[in-house]
Structures are given as structure tokens and as C-alpha cells.
Protein backbone atom coordinates (compact mmCIF):
# COMPACT_ATOMS: atom_id res chain seq x y z
CA MET A 1 -31.09 -28.89 7.00
CA ARG A 2 -31.19 -29.01 3.09
CA GLN A 3 -32.65 -25.60 2.83
CA LEU A 4 -29.84 -23.97 5.15
CA LEU A 5 -27.14 -25.92 3.32
CA TYR A 6 -28.56 -24.50 0.23
CA GLU A 7 -28.92 -20.80 1.38
CA TYR A 8 -25.46 -20.85 3.09
CA GLY A 9 -24.01 -22.15 -0.53
CA HIS A 10 -25.34 -18.37 -1.99
CA TYR A 11 -22.67 -16.80 0.20
CA ALA A 12 -19.95 -19.63 -0.06
CA GLY A 13 -16.46 -18.14 -0.96
CA GLN A 14 -17.70 -14.96 -0.35
CA LYS A 15 -17.40 -15.17 3.53
CA SER A 16 -15.39 -17.86 4.25
CA ASP A 17 -13.90 -16.58 7.79
CA TRP A 18 -15.64 -18.28 11.15
CA ALA A 19 -17.09 -14.81 12.41
CA SER A 20 -18.88 -14.30 9.14
CA ILE A 21 -20.28 -18.14 9.04
CA TYR A 22 -21.57 -17.96 12.49
CA GLN A 23 -23.36 -14.65 11.84
CA ILE A 24 -25.06 -15.97 8.68
CA VAL A 25 -25.71 -19.53 9.87
CA ALA A 26 -26.39 -18.56 13.44
CA GLN A 27 -29.09 -16.12 12.51
CA HIS A 28 -31.18 -18.74 9.96
CA LYS A 29 -34.42 -19.44 11.54
CA ILE A 30 -33.87 -23.25 10.83
CA PHE A 31 -30.62 -23.23 12.95
CA ASN A 32 -32.64 -21.54 15.64
CA ASN A 33 -35.36 -24.26 15.36
CA TYR A 34 -32.70 -26.88 16.08
CA MET A 35 -31.43 -25.13 19.21
CA LYS A 36 -34.96 -24.63 20.68
CA ASN A 37 -35.62 -28.36 19.84
CA LYS A 38 -32.39 -28.74 22.09
CA SER A 39 -30.82 -30.33 19.22
CA PRO A 40 -27.33 -28.69 19.65
CA LEU A 41 -25.20 -31.47 18.25
CA LEU A 42 -27.40 -31.56 15.02
CA ALA A 43 -26.98 -27.76 14.93
CA GLY A 44 -23.28 -27.85 15.19
CA ILE A 45 -23.03 -30.44 12.07
CA VAL A 46 -24.89 -28.10 10.39
CA PHE A 47 -22.53 -25.03 11.28
CA ILE A 48 -19.35 -27.43 10.40
CA LEU A 49 -20.89 -28.62 7.14
CA SER A 50 -21.35 -24.87 6.15
CA TYR A 51 -17.87 -23.99 6.81
CA PHE A 52 -16.68 -26.78 4.95
CA LEU A 53 -18.73 -25.83 1.93
CA SER A 54 -17.26 -22.28 1.90
CA SER A 55 -13.83 -23.68 2.48
CA CYS A 56 -13.89 -26.38 -0.20
CA SER A 57 -12.94 -23.96 -3.03
CA PHE A 58 -10.18 -22.40 -1.10
CA TYR A 59 -8.62 -25.87 -0.46
CA ILE A 60 -8.86 -27.07 -4.14
CA ASP A 61 -7.22 -23.77 -5.14
CA SER A 62 -4.24 -24.01 -2.65
CA PHE A 63 -3.83 -27.59 -3.04
CA THR A 64 -3.47 -27.20 -7.06
CA SER A 65 -1.25 -24.20 -6.40
CA ASN A 66 1.03 -26.12 -4.12
CA LEU A 67 1.05 -29.12 -6.22
CA ASP A 68 2.23 -26.81 -9.09
CA GLN A 69 5.03 -25.30 -7.05
CA ALA A 70 6.20 -29.08 -5.83
CA ILE A 71 6.36 -30.05 -9.26
CA LYS A 72 8.39 -27.17 -10.59
CA SER A 73 10.80 -27.80 -7.20
CA SER A 74 11.50 -31.19 -7.85
CA ASN A 75 14.80 -32.55 -9.17
CA ASP A 76 13.48 -35.99 -9.88
CA PRO A 77 11.75 -35.98 -13.10
CA GLN A 78 11.18 -39.88 -13.27
CA THR A 79 9.19 -39.61 -9.81
CA ILE A 80 7.26 -36.76 -10.84
CA MET A 81 6.39 -38.72 -14.05
CA GLN A 82 5.08 -41.61 -12.14
CA ALA A 83 3.01 -39.59 -9.73
CA LEU A 84 1.27 -36.97 -12.31
CA PRO A 85 -1.28 -39.68 -13.59
CA SER A 86 -3.19 -39.75 -10.23
CA TYR A 87 -3.41 -35.86 -9.93
CA LEU A 88 -4.63 -35.67 -13.53
CA VAL A 89 -7.21 -38.25 -12.95
CA LEU A 90 -8.26 -36.21 -9.70
CA LEU A 91 -8.57 -33.23 -11.42
CA ASP A 92 -10.70 -34.91 -14.33
CA GLY A 93 -12.85 -35.81 -11.29
CA LEU A 94 -13.23 -32.38 -9.83
CA ILE A 95 -13.76 -30.93 -13.38
CA GLU A 96 -16.67 -33.37 -13.84
CA GLY A 97 -18.20 -32.11 -10.93
CA ASP A 98 -17.66 -27.98 -11.78
CA PRO A 99 -16.86 -28.14 -15.71
CA GLN A 100 -17.29 -24.36 -15.52
CA ASP A 101 -14.48 -23.80 -12.97
CA GLU A 102 -11.79 -21.70 -14.62
CA GLY A 103 -9.36 -22.40 -11.93
CA LEU A 104 -9.66 -26.24 -12.13
CA LEU A 105 -9.52 -26.17 -16.03
CA MET A 106 -6.32 -24.19 -16.01
CA ALA A 107 -4.73 -26.29 -13.09
CA SER A 108 -5.56 -29.33 -15.17
CA VAL A 109 -3.90 -27.79 -18.27
CA SER A 110 -0.52 -27.07 -16.31
CA LEU A 111 -0.52 -30.64 -14.77
CA ILE A 112 -1.20 -32.20 -18.42
CA ASN A 113 1.45 -29.97 -20.25
CA ALA A 114 3.85 -31.16 -17.65
CA TYR A 115 3.14 -34.90 -17.74
CA SER A 116 3.26 -34.56 -21.54
CA SER A 117 6.77 -32.59 -21.32
CA LEU A 118 8.24 -35.37 -19.16
CA LEU A 119 7.14 -38.17 -21.53
CA GLY A 120 8.74 -36.34 -24.38
CA SER A 121 11.97 -35.98 -22.26
CA GLN A 122 12.48 -39.71 -22.20
CA ALA A 123 14.41 -39.24 -25.34
CA ASP A 124 16.77 -37.38 -23.38
CA LEU A 125 16.88 -38.91 -20.45
CA VAL A 126 16.95 -42.56 -21.73
CA GLU A 127 19.53 -43.32 -24.13
CA ASN A 128 18.75 -45.69 -27.54
CA LEU A 129 15.34 -45.72 -26.49
CA PRO A 130 13.65 -48.06 -29.05
CA GLU A 131 11.57 -46.55 -32.03
CA TYR A 132 8.31 -48.23 -31.14
CA LYS A 133 8.64 -46.96 -27.50
CA LEU A 134 9.16 -43.34 -28.73
CA GLN A 135 6.12 -43.78 -30.95
CA SER A 136 3.76 -45.02 -28.06
CA ILE A 137 5.18 -41.93 -26.25
CA ARG A 138 4.29 -39.61 -29.23
CA ASN A 139 0.74 -40.95 -29.46
CA GLN A 140 0.20 -40.38 -25.58
CA GLN A 141 1.45 -36.99 -26.01
CA LYS A 142 -1.20 -36.14 -28.68
CA LYS A 143 -3.97 -37.39 -26.91
CA LEU A 144 -2.90 -35.58 -23.56
CA ASN A 145 -2.30 -32.20 -25.63
CA ASP A 146 -5.48 -32.16 -27.33
CA LYS A 147 -7.35 -32.70 -24.11
CA ALA A 148 -4.96 -29.76 -22.64
CA LEU A 149 -5.85 -27.40 -25.50
CA HIS A 150 -9.63 -28.09 -25.26
CA ARG A 151 -9.44 -27.46 -21.83
CA ALA A 152 -7.34 -23.97 -21.83
CA GLU A 153 -9.89 -23.01 -24.85
CA ARG A 154 -13.17 -23.72 -22.57
CA ALA A 155 -11.33 -21.77 -19.53
CA ILE A 156 -10.18 -18.59 -21.30
CA CYS A 157 -13.97 -18.45 -22.97
CA ILE A 158 -15.29 -18.72 -19.28
CA HIS A 159 -12.73 -15.88 -18.25
CA LYS A 160 -13.60 -13.65 -21.33
CA GLU A 161 -16.68 -14.23 -23.75
CA THR A 162 -14.86 -12.01 -26.68
CA LEU A 163 -11.80 -14.69 -26.23
CA CYS A 164 -13.90 -17.76 -27.43
CA ASN A 165 -12.67 -20.11 -30.00
CA LEU A 166 -9.15 -18.58 -30.43
CA THR A 167 -7.80 -21.62 -32.29
CA GLU A 168 -10.41 -21.22 -35.02
CA ASP A 169 -9.87 -17.70 -35.93
CA LYS A 170 -7.85 -16.42 -38.95
CA PHE A 171 -4.84 -14.35 -38.38
CA GLN A 172 -7.11 -10.96 -38.77
CA GLU A 173 -9.93 -12.10 -36.48
CA LEU A 174 -7.19 -13.33 -33.62
CA GLU A 175 -5.46 -10.02 -34.26
CA LEU A 176 -8.54 -7.91 -33.67
CA LYS A 177 -9.51 -10.01 -30.42
CA LEU A 178 -6.03 -9.39 -29.11
CA SER A 179 -6.79 -5.68 -29.25
CA THR A 180 -9.30 -5.79 -26.42
CA ILE A 181 -6.87 -7.88 -23.93
CA GLU A 182 -6.29 -6.00 -20.61
CA LYS A 183 -3.65 -6.50 -18.16
CA ASN A 184 -5.52 -8.79 -16.26
CA ASP A 185 -5.90 -11.25 -18.95
CA ILE A 186 -2.52 -11.78 -19.81
CA ASP A 187 -1.73 -14.86 -17.35
CA ILE A 188 -4.43 -17.18 -18.74
CA LEU A 189 -3.78 -15.92 -22.19
CA TYR A 190 -0.23 -16.87 -21.90
CA ARG A 191 -1.09 -20.37 -20.28
CA MET A 192 -3.71 -20.91 -23.44
CA GLY A 193 -0.54 -19.99 -25.64
CA THR A 194 1.67 -22.29 -23.89
CA ALA A 195 -1.06 -25.25 -24.39
CA TRP A 196 -1.50 -24.39 -27.92
CA VAL A 197 2.67 -24.52 -28.36
CA ALA A 198 2.67 -27.97 -26.64
CA TRP A 199 -0.06 -29.21 -28.97
CA ILE A 200 1.63 -27.98 -32.08
CA GLN A 201 5.09 -29.57 -30.87
CA VAL A 202 3.50 -33.12 -30.84
CA ASN A 203 1.61 -32.53 -34.17
CA THR A 204 4.57 -31.46 -36.22
CA ASP A 205 3.44 -34.20 -38.82
CA ASP A 206 0.08 -32.05 -39.63
CA TRP A 207 0.21 -29.28 -41.96
CA ASN A 208 -2.79 -27.81 -40.97
CA ALA A 209 -1.35 -27.87 -37.35
CA MET A 210 1.76 -26.22 -38.42
CA ALA A 211 -0.21 -23.66 -40.22
CA GLN A 212 -1.50 -22.16 -36.88
CA ILE A 213 2.14 -21.10 -35.99
CA ALA A 214 1.43 -17.51 -37.04
CA GLN A 215 -1.49 -17.25 -34.69
CA ILE A 216 0.62 -18.53 -31.75
CA LYS A 217 3.25 -16.23 -32.46
CA LEU A 218 0.68 -13.53 -31.91
CA ILE A 219 -0.62 -14.50 -28.78
CA MET A 220 3.17 -14.69 -27.44
CA GLU A 221 4.00 -11.32 -29.06
CA LYS A 222 1.06 -10.03 -27.26
CA VAL A 223 2.05 -11.32 -23.88
CA VAL A 224 5.54 -10.10 -24.09
CA ASP A 225 4.70 -6.76 -25.16
CA THR A 226 2.40 -6.46 -22.00
CA ASP A 227 4.58 -8.27 -19.68
CA GLU A 228 7.96 -9.90 -20.56
CA THR A 229 8.81 -11.07 -17.44
CA ILE A 230 6.00 -13.42 -16.95
CA ASP A 231 6.86 -16.88 -15.77
CA ASN A 232 10.62 -15.73 -15.62
CA GLY A 233 10.62 -14.89 -19.07
CA ASN A 234 9.70 -17.98 -20.75
CA ALA A 235 7.36 -16.39 -23.24
CA HIS A 236 10.68 -15.24 -25.01
CA VAL A 237 11.76 -18.67 -25.13
CA TYR A 238 8.56 -19.83 -27.01
CA LEU A 239 9.06 -17.04 -29.35
CA GLY A 240 12.77 -17.99 -29.68
CA VAL A 241 11.97 -21.42 -30.72
CA LEU A 242 9.11 -20.34 -32.95
CA ASN A 243 11.18 -17.89 -34.76
CA SER A 244 13.99 -20.46 -35.18
CA LEU A 245 12.12 -23.49 -36.78
CA ILE A 246 13.37 -22.89 -40.34
CA PRO A 247 16.14 -21.09 -42.02
CA ALA A 248 16.05 -17.44 -43.21
CA SER A 249 16.36 -18.49 -46.90
CA LEU A 250 13.06 -20.32 -46.40
CA GLY A 251 11.21 -17.62 -44.67
CA GLY A 252 12.12 -18.23 -40.91
CA LYS A 253 13.44 -15.42 -38.60
CA PRO A 254 16.54 -16.93 -36.54
CA ASP A 255 17.78 -13.39 -35.88
CA LEU A 256 14.58 -12.77 -34.11
CA GLY A 257 14.66 -16.00 -32.38
CA LYS A 258 18.01 -15.14 -31.08
CA LYS A 259 17.04 -11.95 -29.74
CA HIS A 260 14.12 -13.71 -27.89
CA PHE A 261 16.32 -16.30 -26.21
CA GLU A 262 18.97 -13.85 -25.29
CA ALA A 263 16.02 -11.78 -23.51
CA ALA A 264 14.92 -14.96 -21.73
CA ILE A 265 18.47 -15.46 -20.46
CA ARG A 266 18.68 -11.79 -19.51
CA ILE A 267 15.36 -11.75 -17.49
CA SER A 268 16.32 -15.19 -15.51
CA GLU A 269 19.75 -13.65 -15.06
CA GLY A 270 21.19 -16.96 -16.70
CA LYS A 271 19.32 -18.93 -14.17
CA ASN A 272 16.62 -20.71 -16.90
CA LEU A 273 19.02 -23.37 -18.08
CA MET A 274 16.15 -24.45 -20.39
CA ALA A 275 16.36 -21.38 -22.35
CA LYS A 276 19.99 -22.14 -23.17
CA ALA A 277 19.45 -25.70 -24.13
CA LEU A 278 16.74 -24.78 -26.62
CA TYR A 279 18.97 -21.88 -27.81
CA ALA A 280 21.62 -24.20 -28.54
CA GLU A 281 19.06 -26.76 -30.02
CA TYR A 282 17.14 -24.58 -32.32
CA TYR A 283 19.19 -21.41 -33.27
CA ALA A 284 22.75 -22.57 -32.97
CA ARG A 285 22.19 -25.83 -35.02
CA LEU A 286 20.04 -23.99 -37.31
CA ILE A 287 22.65 -21.74 -38.55
CA PHE A 288 25.55 -24.31 -38.03
CA ASP A 289 27.00 -22.16 -35.11
CA GLU A 290 29.02 -24.96 -33.40
CA LYS A 291 31.04 -22.34 -31.45
CA LEU A 292 27.92 -21.21 -29.87
CA HIS A 293 26.39 -24.27 -29.40
CA GLU A 294 29.41 -25.50 -27.44
CA LYS A 295 29.48 -22.45 -25.22
CA LEU A 296 25.54 -22.93 -24.16
CA ILE A 297 26.15 -26.53 -23.49
CA SER A 298 29.30 -25.86 -21.49
CA GLU A 299 27.50 -23.19 -19.28
CA ILE A 300 24.57 -25.50 -18.67
CA LEU A 301 26.73 -28.68 -17.42
CA LYS A 302 28.95 -26.60 -15.38
CA ILE A 303 25.94 -25.48 -12.89
CA ASP A 304 25.73 -27.74 -9.80
CA GLU A 305 22.52 -26.59 -8.36
CA SER A 306 19.18 -24.94 -9.85
CA THR A 307 17.43 -22.12 -8.64
CA HIS A 308 14.77 -23.52 -6.21
CA HIS A 309 11.63 -22.66 -8.49
CA LEU A 310 13.22 -23.90 -11.90
CA SER A 311 14.95 -27.26 -10.40
CA LEU A 312 12.69 -29.22 -12.47
CA ILE A 313 13.15 -27.53 -15.57
CA ASN A 314 16.82 -27.06 -14.91
CA THR A 315 17.02 -30.71 -14.26
CA LEU A 316 15.65 -31.50 -17.81
CA ALA A 317 17.92 -28.92 -19.49
CA VAL A 318 20.93 -30.80 -18.11
CA GLU A 319 19.63 -33.91 -19.63
CA LYS A 320 18.91 -32.36 -22.80
CA ALA A 321 22.36 -30.67 -22.78
CA LYS A 322 23.89 -33.80 -22.38
CA ALA A 323 21.98 -35.43 -25.34
CA LEU A 324 23.05 -32.41 -27.51
CA GLN A 325 26.57 -32.71 -26.45
CA ARG A 326 26.41 -36.56 -27.48
CA SER A 327 25.02 -36.03 -31.03
CA SER A 328 27.11 -32.64 -31.66
CA THR A 329 30.03 -34.56 -33.18
CA ASP A 330 27.39 -36.14 -35.90
CA TYR A 331 25.32 -32.99 -36.26
CA PHE A 332 28.33 -30.43 -36.91
């Protein structure tokens, strides 16, 4: 039996329909021996186990995809935040069994980033959160995002060997690597970039980390140049934030950041409320444009229902808008 399952495993993932499975298994001499020895039950078990082996990868991929969609569709951040740790541990276990599975690694990256973001949103969701609690959240986020970035690096290296060690490359080296990018590399490059951005966001106290912003911008610019609509225009949001971190007098490019925020809003037809919230937080506040700040916050808070696939991010955007509104009097 072990020999049959082993040999069938060679075909797993290539032929997963019942007809193909029957053709492969039924023709095998071991299967025929079971039948000749009048062991149809045991042969049936072999047949079912073979099908399970071929389907396992499919069901895992389907599960992680459906889970990702369910998270995005939820309008209950607290429940999602409480539920995610169990799935993170589950994916850790699956990765232990297959550490070279690009899909599992990137699924883990997506969930870790989602969980870290939800932890960070507590400052918006809960008023007057104690400083010790905020520090505890930041420490946990650092651990999570460090893990996510390492897994994203592993996944993109498995995807394409020339894209290994991106976070260690100097600007010119990264620029050279990105010149070899093809259209089918853009999705994983973007997700690698988002993991890197998330890592930077929780390491703003580390000057070595902040020095990598130029490389991250280079990745997101490559993504936007190839497909600006990816993730409903969110690559533009990242570039909007990255270009609006410091004022123009200190070398920042807030005017470019503004163009990216407006591009994200245009691509999502105004339905990506987080693009507006971050536009207000990073650009409007940076240049002290109170009128624009109020306009963006007002547009977010008058929305009653979110587009289905953005409901979680829009729910968080509404809470961020409320927090920005509460602090606007002191800020301006």
C-alpha cells in the first residue's frame, strides 16, 4: 500500500479528478493484487486515500483563499482579531510540514499582517488606551511583522530565484533585480512590498529600518507601473503614505503623495475609505490643510454601508476618521 500511495503522490496536483485517479490507481499492479486476493475493501481504502492526497493541496488553497475573503468581508474587527490567532497557529503547523510551499507562506503573511493591523487599530477603536497597553501592542506587532517579512522573503525567493534577499539589496541592486520582473511576478512582489511596509510601520524607532523606505518605494512604483489597479489601487495608498512622511522642506514629496492618494480614490471609485482616512492623516495634516482634512473625514463618516469586499478596511477607516476628528481641534 505504501508503495502505491508513494507512486500516486507523484501525480498529486496534476490529476485530481475522479476519472484520472481511477485510471492511475486501477491500472497499478498492487491495486490489482488486492482485487485478485478478494480484498476490495482494502483496495477501496487505497483508492480513497489516493484521492485525498491529491485533493489536500486544493482544499488548503481554497480554505486560505476563502478565509482571506471572509476576513475582508467582515464588519466586526474585534471578532476577527480574536479569531485570527488560531488560524495563524494552524498555518504555522502546515508550513512546518511543507516549508517550501509558496502559497502557504504568502497566506500566512496576509493573515499575520491583518492581525498586526487589527492590533494597531486598537488606538482608534479604544479611547484613552493606557500607554503600557500601547507598548505591549507595539512589541507584539514587531514580532508578528518580523515573522511575516521573513516568510514573504522566503516565498518570493521560491517563486523566482533572482528575487531572493530583496531586503538586503542596496538601491541599485534592487533596481537591477526589478528590471527582470514580469507580469506574473507582480502579485507576489506587491505582497512582499506590503509585508515590508508593515514591518517598517512598527519599526519607526529604528533608523536602519527607516533607511529602507527608498527600496520599498521602488517596489511599489514597479507594481503601479505594471498594474496600478492591483488590490483595488492600494499600491497607490502605500506610495501616498511613503511620500507624505516628511515635509518638502526636509526632502519629502507630499505633492507626489497627494497624486497617489487621489489615484487610489479614483481607481476604487471613492469606495476605499481607508485611502481617504490616510490621505487626511498623512497629507492633510502634514501640510496643515484643515479644510481638506475636514472634507475627507466628512466623506468617510457619511458612508452608511461599505462595498462588500472592503467592509473590514472601511470599518477600520470609519474608526480612524472618528479618532482624527476627535484630535483635529488640538492638531490644527
